Every structure is written in structure tokens, then in C-alpha cells.
Amino acid sequence: MTSVLTPAILPAAELAAARLDGDLFAVDEGWVCADEPDRAELRATAVAALLPESASSGRLIMIGLTAAWLHGATDAPPWRHEVCARIGERASVRLPRRFLLRELALTEADECLVGGLRVTTPTRTVFDLARRPAPGDRELFAIDSLVRAFAIRPENLADSIRERAPGARLAVERIREVSAQPPLTR
């Protein structure tokens, strides 16, 4: 497992100096050796380092832009990480202000493991982002990236997501639009 350095491990001044020397690069609020490739497991380790020990029980599932970032659909982590607990798996944990906790009706098919963290699948992540009332540029870029990287089609949503879920038709229509357009660039 990759080690993500934090001010709890090394003083912030040493971490900043190592970054200036080119020895470290930032991954969310953590720091990693410069020769370490940026990959999903590394990002998951950085998010896990932000969670309190009481949240390590495995009940939390990363969703939304956090899941998109963990799947590699965006370059930078979201300012506020989105997490959820399944309805019935109530998570009574105090999270840092950078986390937004929700309860959602998810099935086991809606999630996967990334670096030891529970994360919504790319298809479920696209669905959740595409059904937002007014997705911003980051959401649209993440949708586009996930649709292309994981070959997600509108039919995938109809097959794998409950069609009665709020915003399901909107999500399918947005995926159809994204699939018909050239890739978005930054």
C-alpha cells in the first residue's frame, strides 16, 4: 500500500520543502513521493487519510465527484468530498467539514472497491452526476470522461439503474447527448 504523507506524519514545513525540491507532489491534502504514479489506489489512500478512524468501519461509500476523481475522470479532487451510507446502514460518524454525508438507496451492484474504499461504480457515478438538476463544468467533464473511458451507453443506465429513480430520464438523455458529441477538453 502506498504511503500518503500528512502533517500528522511529518511537519508541514518539511512536506512543503520536499515539494519545492520536487521530491513530493500533492494528492488532495496528502503528499506522495514524486516517482509514485498517480492512480486510483493512491487517490483512495489520500481520501482515507482524511477520514476519522471511526469512519474506517467500511460503511461509507464515495459518490459523485469524489467517485469520479477516484475513477480518474478528473485531475483534481473536489473541494468537498461526497460520501454516503446505504439506507439501513446508518453511519453515525462525525466527518470533517470537507465531507458531505448522505443516505442513498444503493445496491451491491452500484459499488466497487478502489484502494480499499467503497466507491460507486463508473456507471452509477455517471448516473448520479448526470441526474443533477444543473451540473457544472466539473460534473460535465467527469460525465464525458467516464462515458468515454468506461464505454458507458444510455442502455447501460437503463439496464443497471432503477428506471424509477429520480432524474433517471434526465440522466439517460444527458448520456445520450454526451455520447453523440466529440470529447470535452480542458
N, C-alpha and C. Protein backbone atom coordinates (compact mmCIF):
# COMPACT_ATOMS: atom_id res chain seq x y z
N MET A 1 0.84 -1.18 0.00
CA MET A 1 0.00 0.00 0.00
C MET A 1 0.89 1.24 0.00
N THR A 2 0.50 2.21 -0.78
CA THR A 2 1.25 3.44 -0.91
C THR A 2 1.08 4.31 0.32
N SER A 3 2.15 4.93 0.73
CA SER A 3 2.09 5.81 1.88
C SER A 3 1.82 7.24 1.44
N VAL A 4 0.77 7.81 2.00
CA VAL A 4 0.45 9.21 1.78
C VAL A 4 0.91 9.95 3.02
N LEU A 5 1.79 10.92 2.82
CA LEU A 5 2.32 11.68 3.94
C LEU A 5 1.39 12.84 4.27
N THR A 6 1.19 13.07 5.56
CA THR A 6 0.36 14.17 6.03
C THR A 6 1.10 14.90 7.14
N PRO A 7 0.64 16.09 7.53
CA PRO A 7 1.27 16.78 8.65
C PRO A 7 1.21 15.99 9.96
N ALA A 8 0.38 14.98 10.04
CA ALA A 8 0.36 14.11 11.22
C ALA A 8 1.59 13.19 11.23
N ILE A 9 2.20 12.98 10.06
CA ILE A 9 3.37 12.10 9.94
C ILE A 9 4.65 12.92 9.94
N LEU A 10 4.69 13.97 9.13
CA LEU A 10 5.84 14.86 9.03
C LEU A 10 5.36 16.30 9.19
N PRO A 11 6.17 17.16 9.76
CA PRO A 11 5.77 18.56 9.89
C PRO A 11 5.46 19.18 8.52
N ALA A 12 4.48 20.08 8.51
CA ALA A 12 4.06 20.73 7.26
C ALA A 12 5.22 21.44 6.57
N ALA A 13 6.14 22.03 7.35
CA ALA A 13 7.28 22.73 6.75
C ALA A 13 8.18 21.76 5.98
N GLU A 14 8.40 20.58 6.52
CA GLU A 14 9.21 19.58 5.82
C GLU A 14 8.52 19.10 4.55
N LEU A 15 7.20 18.90 4.62
CA LEU A 15 6.46 18.47 3.44
C LEU A 15 6.52 19.55 2.35
N ALA A 16 6.35 20.81 2.74
CA ALA A 16 6.41 21.91 1.77
C ALA A 16 7.80 22.01 1.15
N ALA A 17 8.84 21.86 1.96
CA ALA A 17 10.21 21.92 1.44
C ALA A 17 10.47 20.78 0.46
N ALA A 18 9.99 19.58 0.79
CA ALA A 18 10.18 18.44 -0.11
C ALA A 18 9.42 18.64 -1.42
N ARG A 19 8.26 19.27 -1.36
CA ARG A 19 7.51 19.58 -2.58
C ARG A 19 8.28 20.58 -3.43
N LEU A 20 8.82 21.62 -2.80
CA LEU A 20 9.60 22.62 -3.53
C LEU A 20 10.85 22.01 -4.16
N ASP A 21 11.43 21.02 -3.50
CA ASP A 21 12.61 20.33 -4.04
C ASP A 21 12.24 19.35 -5.15
N GLY A 22 10.94 19.13 -5.36
CA GLY A 22 10.50 18.19 -6.39
C GLY A 22 10.46 16.75 -5.92
N ASP A 23 10.56 16.53 -4.62
CA ASP A 23 10.55 15.16 -4.09
C ASP A 23 9.14 14.63 -3.85
N LEU A 24 8.18 15.53 -3.68
CA LEU A 24 6.80 15.15 -3.38
C LEU A 24 5.84 15.87 -4.31
N PHE A 25 4.64 15.28 -4.49
CA PHE A 25 3.56 16.01 -5.15
C PHE A 25 2.30 15.81 -4.33
N ALA A 26 1.38 16.77 -4.47
CA ALA A 26 0.16 16.77 -3.66
C ALA A 26 -0.87 15.82 -4.26
N VAL A 27 -1.51 15.08 -3.37
CA VAL A 27 -2.69 14.28 -3.72
C VAL A 27 -3.72 14.62 -2.65
N ASP A 28 -4.68 15.45 -3.04
CA ASP A 28 -5.65 16.01 -2.11
C ASP A 28 -4.90 16.74 -1.01
N GLU A 29 -5.09 16.39 0.25
CA GLU A 29 -4.38 17.07 1.33
C GLU A 29 -3.11 16.34 1.76
N GLY A 30 -2.79 15.26 1.05
CA GLY A 30 -1.60 14.49 1.36
C GLY A 30 -0.50 14.74 0.35
N TRP A 31 0.65 14.14 0.63
CA TRP A 31 1.83 14.27 -0.22
C TRP A 31 2.38 12.89 -0.50
N VAL A 32 2.89 12.71 -1.72
CA VAL A 32 3.39 11.40 -2.15
C VAL A 32 4.72 11.59 -2.87
N CYS A 33 5.57 10.59 -2.78
CA CYS A 33 6.86 10.64 -3.47
C CYS A 33 6.65 10.91 -4.97
N ALA A 34 7.51 11.74 -5.53
CA ALA A 34 7.37 12.18 -6.91
C ALA A 34 7.45 11.04 -7.92
N ASP A 35 8.12 9.95 -7.57
CA ASP A 35 8.23 8.84 -8.52
C ASP A 35 7.03 7.89 -8.47
N GLU A 36 6.08 8.17 -7.62
CA GLU A 36 4.87 7.34 -7.49
C GLU A 36 3.87 7.75 -8.57
N PRO A 37 3.37 6.82 -9.38
CA PRO A 37 2.37 7.21 -10.39
C PRO A 37 1.04 7.56 -9.74
N ASP A 38 0.37 8.55 -10.31
CA ASP A 38 -0.94 8.96 -9.82
C ASP A 38 -1.96 7.94 -10.33
N ARG A 39 -2.54 7.18 -9.41
CA ARG A 39 -3.50 6.15 -9.79
C ARG A 39 -4.62 6.09 -8.76
N ALA A 40 -5.64 5.33 -9.07
CA ALA A 40 -6.85 5.28 -8.23
C ALA A 40 -6.55 4.87 -6.79
N GLU A 41 -5.70 3.87 -6.60
CA GLU A 41 -5.39 3.40 -5.25
C GLU A 41 -4.72 4.48 -4.42
N LEU A 42 -3.87 5.26 -5.07
CA LEU A 42 -3.19 6.36 -4.40
C LEU A 42 -4.19 7.44 -3.96
N ARG A 43 -5.10 7.77 -4.85
CA ARG A 43 -6.13 8.76 -4.52
C ARG A 43 -7.02 8.25 -3.38
N ALA A 44 -7.36 6.97 -3.41
CA ALA A 44 -8.19 6.39 -2.34
C ALA A 44 -7.47 6.45 -1.00
N THR A 45 -6.17 6.20 -1.00
CA THR A 45 -5.38 6.29 0.23
C THR A 45 -5.40 7.71 0.76
N ALA A 46 -5.31 8.70 -0.13
CA ALA A 46 -5.34 10.10 0.29
C ALA A 46 -6.69 10.46 0.91
N VAL A 47 -7.79 9.99 0.32
CA VAL A 47 -9.12 10.26 0.88
C VAL A 47 -9.27 9.55 2.22
N ALA A 48 -8.83 8.31 2.29
CA ALA A 48 -8.94 7.55 3.55
C ALA A 48 -8.16 8.23 4.67
N ALA A 49 -7.05 8.88 4.33
CA ALA A 49 -6.25 9.58 5.35
C ALA A 49 -7.00 10.76 5.95
N LEU A 50 -7.99 11.29 5.23
CA LEU A 50 -8.79 12.41 5.72
C LEU A 50 -9.92 11.98 6.64
N LEU A 51 -10.28 10.71 6.56
CA LEU A 51 -11.41 10.20 7.34
C LEU A 51 -10.99 9.89 8.77
N PRO A 52 -11.85 10.16 9.74
CA PRO A 52 -11.53 9.77 11.11
C PRO A 52 -11.54 8.25 11.25
N GLU A 53 -10.83 7.75 12.25
CA GLU A 53 -10.76 6.30 12.44
C GLU A 53 -12.13 5.68 12.62
N SER A 54 -13.07 6.42 13.21
CA SER A 54 -14.41 5.89 13.42
C SER A 54 -15.14 5.66 12.10
N ALA A 55 -14.66 6.26 11.01
CA ALA A 55 -15.29 6.07 9.70
C ALA A 55 -14.66 4.92 8.93
N SER A 56 -13.67 4.28 9.51
CA SER A 56 -12.97 3.21 8.79
C SER A 56 -13.69 1.88 8.88
N SER A 57 -14.90 1.88 9.38
CA SER A 57 -15.66 0.63 9.50
C SER A 57 -16.11 0.10 8.15
N GLY A 58 -15.96 0.90 7.09
CA GLY A 58 -16.32 0.43 5.76
C GLY A 58 -17.76 0.70 5.39
N ARG A 59 -18.47 1.48 6.17
CA ARG A 59 -19.87 1.76 5.85
C ARG A 59 -20.03 2.90 4.86
N LEU A 60 -19.04 3.74 4.73
CA LEU A 60 -19.14 4.89 3.84
C LEU A 60 -18.78 4.52 2.40
N ILE A 61 -19.53 5.10 1.48
CA ILE A 61 -19.32 4.86 0.05
C ILE A 61 -19.04 6.22 -0.60
N MET A 62 -17.97 6.30 -1.36
CA MET A 62 -17.62 7.54 -2.05
C MET A 62 -18.53 7.67 -3.28
N ILE A 63 -19.11 8.87 -3.45
CA ILE A 63 -20.06 9.10 -4.54
C ILE A 63 -19.73 10.40 -5.27
N GLY A 64 -20.49 10.70 -6.32
CA GLY A 64 -20.42 11.98 -7.01
C GLY A 64 -19.04 12.29 -7.56
N LEU A 65 -18.62 13.56 -7.39
CA LEU A 65 -17.32 13.98 -7.92
C LEU A 65 -16.16 13.28 -7.23
N THR A 66 -16.35 12.87 -5.98
CA THR A 66 -15.29 12.11 -5.30
C THR A 66 -15.08 10.78 -6.01
N ALA A 67 -16.17 10.09 -6.32
CA ALA A 67 -16.06 8.82 -7.05
C ALA A 67 -15.47 9.05 -8.44
N ALA A 68 -15.89 10.12 -9.10
CA ALA A 68 -15.35 10.42 -10.43
C ALA A 68 -13.85 10.65 -10.36
N TRP A 69 -13.39 11.40 -9.34
CA TRP A 69 -11.95 11.63 -9.17
C TRP A 69 -11.22 10.31 -8.90
N LEU A 70 -11.80 9.47 -8.05
CA LEU A 70 -11.16 8.19 -7.75
C LEU A 70 -11.08 7.29 -8.98
N HIS A 71 -12.05 7.41 -9.88
CA HIS A 71 -12.03 6.62 -11.13
C HIS A 71 -11.16 7.27 -12.20
N GLY A 72 -10.56 8.43 -11.89
CA GLY A 72 -9.65 9.08 -12.83
C GLY A 72 -10.32 10.00 -13.83
N ALA A 73 -11.57 10.38 -13.60
CA ALA A 73 -12.30 11.22 -14.56
C ALA A 73 -12.00 12.70 -14.41
N THR A 74 -11.40 13.10 -13.30
CA THR A 74 -10.99 14.49 -13.10
C THR A 74 -9.57 14.50 -12.56
N ASP A 75 -8.88 15.60 -12.79
CA ASP A 75 -7.49 15.70 -12.34
C ASP A 75 -7.37 16.10 -10.88
N ALA A 76 -8.29 16.91 -10.42
CA ALA A 76 -8.20 17.44 -9.05
C ALA A 76 -9.35 16.91 -8.21
N PRO A 77 -9.09 16.71 -6.92
CA PRO A 77 -10.16 16.25 -6.05
C PRO A 77 -11.20 17.35 -5.86
N PRO A 78 -12.42 16.98 -5.55
CA PRO A 78 -13.42 18.01 -5.30
C PRO A 78 -13.09 18.75 -4.00
N TRP A 79 -13.54 19.99 -3.93
CA TRP A 79 -13.31 20.75 -2.70
C TRP A 79 -14.02 20.08 -1.54
N ARG A 80 -15.19 19.55 -1.78
CA ARG A 80 -15.96 18.86 -0.75
C ARG A 80 -16.22 17.44 -1.20
N HIS A 81 -15.70 16.47 -0.45
CA HIS A 81 -15.90 15.06 -0.81
C HIS A 81 -17.32 14.64 -0.50
N GLU A 82 -17.90 13.87 -1.41
CA GLU A 82 -19.26 13.36 -1.24
C GLU A 82 -19.20 11.89 -0.85
N VAL A 83 -19.85 11.56 0.23
CA VAL A 83 -19.92 10.18 0.70
C VAL A 83 -21.36 9.86 1.07
N CYS A 84 -21.66 8.58 1.10
CA CYS A 84 -22.99 8.18 1.52
C CYS A 84 -22.90 6.89 2.32
N ALA A 85 -23.98 6.63 2.99
CA ALA A 85 -24.20 5.34 3.64
C ALA A 85 -25.48 4.80 3.03
N ARG A 86 -25.55 3.52 2.88
CA ARG A 86 -26.78 2.93 2.37
C ARG A 86 -27.88 3.12 3.40
N ILE A 87 -29.08 3.31 2.90
CA ILE A 87 -30.22 3.37 3.81
C ILE A 87 -30.26 2.02 4.52
N GLY A 88 -30.34 2.05 5.82
CA GLY A 88 -30.30 0.82 6.61
C GLY A 88 -28.93 0.54 7.19
N GLU A 89 -27.89 1.17 6.64
CA GLU A 89 -26.53 1.04 7.18
C GLU A 89 -26.12 2.39 7.75
N ARG A 90 -26.99 2.96 8.50
CA ARG A 90 -26.79 4.31 9.04
C ARG A 90 -25.39 4.48 9.61
N ALA A 91 -24.75 5.54 9.20
CA ALA A 91 -23.40 5.84 9.68
C ALA A 91 -23.47 7.03 10.62
N SER A 92 -23.29 6.77 11.88
CA SER A 92 -23.30 7.87 12.85
C SER A 92 -21.85 8.22 13.18
N VAL A 93 -21.26 8.98 12.28
CA VAL A 93 -19.86 9.34 12.42
C VAL A 93 -19.73 10.84 12.15
N ARG A 94 -18.86 11.47 12.90
CA ARG A 94 -18.58 12.89 12.67
C ARG A 94 -17.47 12.99 11.63
N LEU A 95 -17.80 13.62 10.54
CA LEU A 95 -16.84 13.76 9.45
C LEU A 95 -16.30 15.19 9.41
N PRO A 96 -15.09 15.36 8.91
CA PRO A 96 -14.57 16.72 8.73
C PRO A 96 -15.49 17.52 7.80
N ARG A 97 -15.37 18.83 7.85
CA ARG A 97 -16.23 19.70 7.05
C ARG A 97 -16.07 19.48 5.56
N ARG A 98 -14.98 18.90 5.14
CA ARG A 98 -14.77 18.64 3.71
C ARG A 98 -15.62 17.50 3.18
N PHE A 99 -16.37 16.85 4.04
CA PHE A 99 -17.19 15.71 3.62
C PHE A 99 -18.67 16.05 3.74
N LEU A 100 -19.43 15.65 2.74
CA LEU A 100 -20.87 15.79 2.74
C LEU A 100 -21.45 14.38 2.78
N LEU A 101 -22.17 14.06 3.84
CA LEU A 101 -22.72 12.71 4.05
C LEU A 101 -24.19 12.68 3.68
N ARG A 102 -24.57 11.66 2.92
CA ARG A 102 -25.97 11.44 2.54
C ARG A 102 -26.32 9.99 2.80
N GLU A 103 -27.60 9.70 2.74
CA GLU A 103 -28.06 8.31 2.75
C GLU A 103 -28.72 8.06 1.40
N LEU A 104 -28.32 6.98 0.75
CA LEU A 104 -28.87 6.64 -0.56
C LEU A 104 -29.29 5.18 -0.59
N ALA A 105 -30.23 4.90 -1.48
CA ALA A 105 -30.65 3.52 -1.71
C ALA A 105 -29.75 2.93 -2.79
N LEU A 106 -28.68 2.29 -2.37
CA LEU A 106 -27.74 1.66 -3.30
C LEU A 106 -27.80 0.15 -3.13
N THR A 107 -27.48 -0.55 -4.20
CA THR A 107 -27.36 -2.00 -4.12
C THR A 107 -25.88 -2.36 -4.19
N GLU A 108 -25.55 -3.60 -3.95
CA GLU A 108 -24.15 -4.02 -4.06
C GLU A 108 -23.64 -3.84 -5.48
N ALA A 109 -24.52 -3.94 -6.47
CA ALA A 109 -24.12 -3.77 -7.87
C ALA A 109 -23.74 -2.32 -8.18
N ASP A 110 -24.14 -1.38 -7.33
CA ASP A 110 -23.83 0.04 -7.53
C ASP A 110 -22.45 0.42 -7.04
N GLU A 111 -21.75 -0.48 -6.38
CA GLU A 111 -20.46 -0.11 -5.79
C GLU A 111 -19.36 -1.09 -6.13
N CYS A 112 -18.13 -0.59 -5.99
CA CYS A 112 -16.94 -1.40 -6.20
C CYS A 112 -15.90 -0.94 -5.19
N LEU A 113 -14.78 -1.65 -5.11
CA LEU A 113 -13.70 -1.26 -4.22
C LEU A 113 -12.59 -0.60 -5.03
N VAL A 114 -12.12 0.53 -4.53
CA VAL A 114 -10.97 1.22 -5.13
C VAL A 114 -10.01 1.49 -3.99
N GLY A 115 -8.88 0.82 -4.02
CA GLY A 115 -7.89 1.02 -2.97
C GLY A 115 -8.41 0.79 -1.57
N GLY A 116 -9.33 -0.12 -1.41
CA GLY A 116 -9.89 -0.43 -0.10
C GLY A 116 -11.09 0.42 0.28
N LEU A 117 -11.43 1.44 -0.51
CA LEU A 117 -12.61 2.26 -0.24
C LEU A 117 -13.78 1.78 -1.08
N ARG A 118 -14.97 1.85 -0.50
CA ARG A 118 -16.18 1.57 -1.27
C ARG A 118 -16.50 2.82 -2.10
N VAL A 119 -16.72 2.61 -3.39
CA VAL A 119 -16.93 3.70 -4.34
C VAL A 119 -18.06 3.27 -5.28
N THR A 120 -18.90 4.23 -5.69
CA THR A 120 -19.90 3.87 -6.69
C THR A 120 -19.19 3.49 -7.99
N THR A 121 -19.77 2.56 -8.72
CA THR A 121 -19.19 2.12 -9.99
C THR A 121 -19.18 3.29 -10.97
N PRO A 122 -18.37 3.20 -12.02
CA PRO A 122 -18.40 4.28 -13.02
C PRO A 122 -19.80 4.54 -13.58
N THR A 123 -20.57 3.47 -13.84
CA THR A 123 -21.92 3.65 -14.37
C THR A 123 -22.82 4.36 -13.37
N ARG A 124 -22.77 3.96 -12.11
CA ARG A 124 -23.59 4.62 -11.09
C ARG A 124 -23.12 6.06 -10.87
N THR A 125 -21.82 6.29 -10.94
CA THR A 125 -21.28 7.64 -10.78
C THR A 125 -21.79 8.55 -11.90
N VAL A 126 -21.76 8.06 -13.14
CA VAL A 126 -22.28 8.83 -14.28
C VAL A 126 -23.76 9.13 -14.06
N PHE A 127 -24.49 8.13 -13.64
CA PHE A 127 -25.93 8.32 -13.39
C PHE A 127 -26.16 9.41 -12.36
N ASP A 128 -25.44 9.34 -11.24
CA ASP A 128 -25.63 10.32 -10.17
C ASP A 128 -25.27 11.73 -10.63
N LEU A 129 -24.19 11.86 -11.38
CA LEU A 129 -23.78 13.19 -11.86
C LEU A 129 -24.72 13.71 -12.94
N ALA A 130 -25.17 12.83 -13.82
CA ALA A 130 -26.00 13.25 -14.96
C ALA A 130 -27.42 13.62 -14.53
N ARG A 131 -27.88 13.14 -13.41
CA ARG A 131 -29.24 13.47 -13.00
C ARG A 131 -29.32 14.71 -12.10
N ARG A 132 -28.19 15.34 -11.86
CA ARG A 132 -28.21 16.58 -11.08
C ARG A 132 -28.94 17.65 -11.89
N PRO A 133 -29.72 18.49 -11.22
CA PRO A 133 -30.52 19.49 -11.94
C PRO A 133 -29.70 20.43 -12.82
N ALA A 134 -28.58 20.90 -12.36
CA ALA A 134 -27.76 21.83 -13.16
C ALA A 134 -26.29 21.49 -12.96
N PRO A 135 -25.80 20.44 -13.65
CA PRO A 135 -24.39 20.08 -13.47
C PRO A 135 -23.48 21.18 -13.98
N GLY A 136 -22.41 21.43 -13.23
CA GLY A 136 -21.43 22.43 -13.62
C GLY A 136 -20.40 21.85 -14.57
N ASP A 137 -19.40 22.65 -14.90
CA ASP A 137 -18.36 22.22 -15.83
C ASP A 137 -17.62 20.99 -15.34
N ARG A 138 -17.31 20.94 -14.03
CA ARG A 138 -16.58 19.77 -13.49
C ARG A 138 -17.42 18.50 -13.64
N GLU A 139 -18.72 18.59 -13.35
CA GLU A 139 -19.59 17.42 -13.48
C GLU A 139 -19.69 16.98 -14.94
N LEU A 140 -19.87 17.95 -15.85
CA LEU A 140 -19.99 17.61 -17.27
C LEU A 140 -18.70 16.99 -17.80
N PHE A 141 -17.55 17.52 -17.38
CA PHE A 141 -16.28 16.94 -17.80
C PHE A 141 -16.13 15.52 -17.25
N ALA A 142 -16.52 15.32 -15.98
CA ALA A 142 -16.43 13.98 -15.37
C ALA A 142 -17.36 13.00 -16.08
N ILE A 143 -18.57 13.44 -16.40
CA ILE A 143 -19.51 12.58 -17.13
C ILE A 143 -18.90 12.17 -18.47
N ASP A 144 -18.40 13.16 -19.20
CA ASP A 144 -17.80 12.90 -20.51
C ASP A 144 -16.62 11.92 -20.38
N SER A 145 -15.74 12.16 -19.41
CA SER A 145 -14.57 11.29 -19.22
C SER A 145 -14.97 9.86 -18.88
N LEU A 146 -15.92 9.71 -17.96
CA LEU A 146 -16.34 8.36 -17.55
C LEU A 146 -17.06 7.64 -18.69
N VAL A 147 -17.92 8.35 -19.41
CA VAL A 147 -18.64 7.74 -20.53
C VAL A 147 -17.66 7.19 -21.54
N ARG A 148 -16.61 7.94 -21.84
CA ARG A 148 -15.65 7.51 -22.86
C ARG A 148 -14.67 6.46 -22.33
N ALA A 149 -14.19 6.64 -21.10
CA ALA A 149 -13.20 5.71 -20.55
C ALA A 149 -13.80 4.33 -20.27
N PHE A 150 -15.07 4.29 -19.86
CA PHE A 150 -15.68 3.02 -19.49
C PHE A 150 -16.76 2.57 -20.48
N ALA A 151 -16.82 3.23 -21.64
CA ALA A 151 -17.77 2.89 -22.70
C ALA A 151 -19.20 2.76 -22.16
N ILE A 152 -19.62 3.75 -21.39
CA ILE A 152 -20.96 3.75 -20.81
C ILE A 152 -21.93 4.30 -21.83
N ARG A 153 -23.00 3.58 -22.07
CA ARG A 153 -24.03 3.97 -23.03
C ARG A 153 -25.35 4.16 -22.29
N PRO A 154 -26.28 4.89 -22.90
CA PRO A 154 -27.58 5.07 -22.25
C PRO A 154 -28.25 3.74 -21.90
N GLU A 155 -28.01 2.74 -22.73
CA GLU A 155 -28.59 1.42 -22.47
C GLU A 155 -28.04 0.83 -21.16
N ASN A 156 -26.76 1.12 -20.87
CA ASN A 156 -26.17 0.63 -19.62
C ASN A 156 -26.93 1.17 -18.42
N LEU A 157 -27.32 2.43 -18.49
CA LEU A 157 -28.07 3.03 -17.38
C LEU A 157 -29.43 2.38 -17.24
N ALA A 158 -30.10 2.18 -18.37
CA ALA A 158 -31.42 1.56 -18.31
C ALA A 158 -31.34 0.14 -17.77
N ASP A 159 -30.26 -0.57 -18.09
CA ASP A 159 -30.12 -1.95 -17.62
C ASP A 159 -29.71 -2.03 -16.15
N SER A 160 -28.88 -1.10 -15.70
CA SER A 160 -28.30 -1.27 -14.38
C SER A 160 -28.87 -0.36 -13.30
N ILE A 161 -29.56 0.69 -13.66
CA ILE A 161 -30.09 1.63 -12.68
C ILE A 161 -31.61 1.53 -12.69
N ARG A 162 -32.16 1.59 -11.51
CA ARG A 162 -33.62 1.54 -11.42
C ARG A 162 -34.22 2.71 -12.18
N GLU A 163 -35.07 2.42 -13.14
CA GLU A 163 -35.62 3.45 -14.00
C GLU A 163 -36.54 4.41 -13.26
N ARG A 164 -37.02 4.03 -12.10
CA ARG A 164 -37.91 4.92 -11.34
C ARG A 164 -37.16 5.90 -10.44
N ALA A 165 -35.85 5.78 -10.40
CA ALA A 165 -35.06 6.68 -9.55
C ALA A 165 -35.26 8.12 -10.03
N PRO A 166 -35.31 9.06 -9.10
CA PRO A 166 -35.48 10.46 -9.50
C PRO A 166 -34.38 10.90 -10.47
N GLY A 167 -34.80 11.51 -11.57
CA GLY A 167 -33.85 12.02 -12.55
C GLY A 167 -33.33 10.99 -13.53
N ALA A 168 -33.89 9.78 -13.54
CA ALA A 168 -33.38 8.72 -14.41
C ALA A 168 -33.50 9.10 -15.88
N ARG A 169 -34.64 9.63 -16.29
CA ARG A 169 -34.81 10.00 -17.71
C ARG A 169 -33.84 11.11 -18.10
N LEU A 170 -33.67 12.09 -17.22
CA LEU A 170 -32.74 13.18 -17.47
C LEU A 170 -31.32 12.64 -17.63
N ALA A 171 -30.93 11.71 -16.77
CA ALA A 171 -29.60 11.13 -16.84
C ALA A 171 -29.38 10.40 -18.16
N VAL A 172 -30.34 9.59 -18.57
CA VAL A 172 -30.22 8.84 -19.82
C VAL A 172 -30.11 9.81 -21.00
N GLU A 173 -30.90 10.87 -20.98
CA GLU A 173 -30.84 11.85 -22.07
C GLU A 173 -29.49 12.56 -22.11
N ARG A 174 -28.95 12.91 -20.95
CA ARG A 174 -27.64 13.58 -20.92
C ARG A 174 -26.54 12.64 -21.42
N ILE A 175 -26.62 11.37 -21.05
CA ILE A 175 -25.61 10.40 -21.53
C ILE A 175 -25.73 10.26 -23.04
N ARG A 176 -26.94 10.25 -23.55
CA ARG A 176 -27.15 10.16 -24.99
C ARG A 176 -26.51 11.37 -25.69
N GLU A 177 -26.68 12.57 -25.12
CA GLU A 177 -26.09 13.78 -25.70
C GLU A 177 -24.57 13.72 -25.66
N VAL A 178 -24.01 13.30 -24.53
CA VAL A 178 -22.55 13.23 -24.39
C VAL A 178 -21.98 12.23 -25.39
N SER A 179 -22.64 11.10 -25.55
CA SER A 179 -22.16 10.05 -26.46
C SER A 179 -22.13 10.52 -27.91
N ALA A 180 -23.03 11.45 -28.26
CA ALA A 180 -23.12 11.92 -29.64
C ALA A 180 -22.16 13.06 -29.96
N GLN A 181 -21.53 13.64 -28.95
CA GLN A 181 -20.65 14.80 -29.16
C GLN A 181 -19.18 14.39 -29.10
N PRO A 182 -18.30 15.23 -29.68
CA PRO A 182 -16.86 14.96 -29.54
C PRO A 182 -16.44 15.15 -28.08
N PRO A 183 -15.34 14.55 -27.66
CA PRO A 183 -14.89 14.65 -26.26
C PRO A 183 -14.66 16.10 -25.83
N LEU A 184 -14.98 16.36 -24.57
CA LEU A 184 -14.69 17.68 -24.00
C LEU A 184 -13.20 17.78 -23.70
N THR A 185 -12.66 18.98 -23.83
CA THR A 185 -11.25 19.20 -23.49
C THR A 185 -11.16 20.30 -22.47
N ARG A 186 -10.09 20.29 -21.74
CA ARG A 186 -9.87 21.33 -20.73
C ARG A 186 -8.94 22.36 -21.26
